[in-house]
Amino acid sequence: MKRQKRTCIYPKDIQIITGRSERYGRKLLREIRLFLDKKPRQFVTVNEFSEYTGIELNIINEYILD
């Protein structure tokens, strides 16, 4: 089994994956936190991002920076 590089996803990662702006990444993370009923300072995991956006984990892991 391939080991995941990182557990949390950041706006810069979303920018790289989607090709949109970093501000869009912050907005999307805010929407995911609201959807998952998380507090503003709680992290969003790669798995949660994958489930919310419908992007497969293996595609996300190709773009995640170390």
C-alpha atoms as a PDB file:
ATOM      1  CA  MET A   1       0.000   0.000   0.000  1.00  0.00           C
ATOM      2  CA  LYS A   2       1.331   3.407  -0.970  1.00  0.00           C
ATOM      3  CA  ARG A   3       1.806   5.748   1.968  1.00  0.00           C
ATOM      4  CA  GLN A   4       0.017   9.084   1.838  1.00  0.00           C
ATOM      5  CA  LYS A   5       2.365  12.076   1.773  1.00  0.00           C
ATOM      6  CA  ARG A   6       0.313  14.390   3.992  1.00  0.00           C
ATOM      7  CA  THR A   7      -2.939  14.221   5.913  1.00  0.00           C
ATOM      8  CA  CYS A   8      -4.117  17.844   5.689  1.00  0.00           C
ATOM      9  CA  ILE A   9      -4.810  19.870   2.583  1.00  0.00           C
ATOM     10  CA  TYR A  10      -4.026  23.565   2.222  1.00  0.00           C
ATOM     11  CA  PRO A  11      -5.224  26.333  -0.120  1.00  0.00           C
ATOM     12  CA  LYS A  12      -1.989  26.160  -2.133  1.00  0.00           C
ATOM     13  CA  ASP A  13      -2.613  22.458  -2.776  1.00  0.00           C
ATOM     14  CA  ILE A  14      -6.126  23.235  -4.012  1.00  0.00           C
ATOM     15  CA  GLN A  15      -4.679  25.936  -6.274  1.00  0.00           C
ATOM     16  CA  ILE A  16      -2.285  23.425  -7.821  1.00  0.00           C
ATOM     17  CA  ILE A  17      -4.931  20.697  -8.202  1.00  0.00           C
ATOM     18  CA  THR A  18      -7.725  22.863  -9.640  1.00  0.00           C
ATOM     19  CA  GLY A  19      -5.771  25.582 -11.418  1.00  0.00           C
ATOM     20  CA  ARG A  20      -7.846  28.204  -9.609  1.00  0.00           C
ATOM     21  CA  SER A  21      -6.573  30.942  -7.284  1.00  0.00           C
ATOM     22  CA  GLU A  22      -5.349  30.448  -3.731  1.00  0.00           C
ATOM     23  CA  ARG A  23      -8.262  32.580  -2.570  1.00  0.00           C
ATOM     24  CA  TYR A  24     -10.627  30.057  -4.163  1.00  0.00           C
ATOM     25  CA  GLY A  25      -8.806  27.349  -2.190  1.00  0.00           C
ATOM     26  CA  ARG A  26      -9.448  29.220   1.072  1.00  0.00           C
ATOM     27  CA  LYS A  27     -13.108  29.668   0.138  1.00  0.00           C
ATOM     28  CA  LEU A  28     -13.494  25.988  -0.720  1.00  0.00           C
ATOM     29  CA  LEU A  29     -11.888  24.905   2.565  1.00  0.00           C
ATOM     30  CA  ARG A  30     -14.275  27.222   4.413  1.00  0.00           C
ATOM     31  CA  GLU A  31     -17.238  25.612   2.598  1.00  0.00           C
ATOM     32  CA  ILE A  32     -15.982  22.112   3.433  1.00  0.00           C
ATOM     33  CA  ARG A  33     -15.600  23.043   7.125  1.00  0.00           C
ATOM     34  CA  LEU A  34     -19.176  24.364   7.192  1.00  0.00           C
ATOM     35  CA  PHE A  35     -20.456  21.243   5.437  1.00  0.00           C
ATOM     36  CA  LEU A  36     -18.630  18.963   7.896  1.00  0.00           C
ATOM     37  CA  ASP A  37     -19.606  21.132  10.889  1.00  0.00           C
ATOM     38  CA  LYS A  38     -15.973  21.823  11.804  1.00  0.00           C
ATOM     39  CA  LYS A  39     -14.665  24.833  13.658  1.00  0.00           C
ATOM     40  CA  PRO A  40     -12.824  27.496  11.620  1.00  0.00           C
ATOM     41  CA  ARG A  41      -9.364  26.441  12.847  1.00  0.00           C
ATOM     42  CA  GLN A  42      -9.810  22.695  12.351  1.00  0.00           C
ATOM     43  CA  PHE A  43      -7.933  21.072   9.501  1.00  0.00           C
ATOM     44  CA  VAL A  44      -9.525  19.477   6.450  1.00  0.00           C
ATOM     45  CA  THR A  45      -8.036  16.108   5.555  1.00  0.00           C
ATOM     46  CA  VAL A  46      -7.187  14.936   2.078  1.00  0.00           C
ATOM     47  CA  ASN A  47      -9.886  12.254   2.410  1.00  0.00           C
ATOM     48  CA  GLU A  48     -12.540  14.832   3.348  1.00  0.00           C
ATOM     49  CA  PHE A  49     -11.493  17.026   0.418  1.00  0.00           C
ATOM     50  CA  SER A  50     -11.678  14.044  -1.913  1.00  0.00           C
ATOM     51  CA  GLU A  51     -15.153  13.071  -0.743  1.00  0.00           C
ATOM     52  CA  TYR A  52     -16.466  16.641  -0.964  1.00  0.00           C
ATOM     53  CA  THR A  53     -15.076  17.420  -4.424  1.00  0.00           C
ATOM     54  CA  GLY A  54     -15.341  13.954  -5.976  1.00  0.00           C
ATOM     55  CA  ILE A  55     -11.680  14.001  -7.011  1.00  0.00           C
ATOM     56  CA  GLU A  56     -10.062  10.594  -6.518  1.00  0.00           C
ATOM     57  CA  LEU A  57      -7.411  10.246  -3.802  1.00  0.00           C
ATOM     58  CA  ASN A  58      -4.737   8.971  -6.183  1.00  0.00           C
ATOM     59  CA  ILE A  59      -5.136  12.088  -8.351  1.00  0.00           C
ATOM     60  CA  ILE A  60      -4.882  14.370  -5.308  1.00  0.00           C
ATOM     61  CA  ASN A  61      -1.810  12.535  -4.022  1.00  0.00           C
ATOM     62  CA  GLU A  62      -0.028  13.135  -7.348  1.00  0.00           C
ATOM     63  CA  TYR A  63      -0.265  16.898  -6.739  1.00  0.00           C
ATOM     64  CA  ILE A  64       0.333  17.085  -2.979  1.00  0.00           C
ATOM     65  CA  LEU A  65       3.663  18.710  -2.153  1.00  0.00           C
ATOM     66  CA  ASP A  66       5.977  17.187   0.453  1.00  0.00           C
END
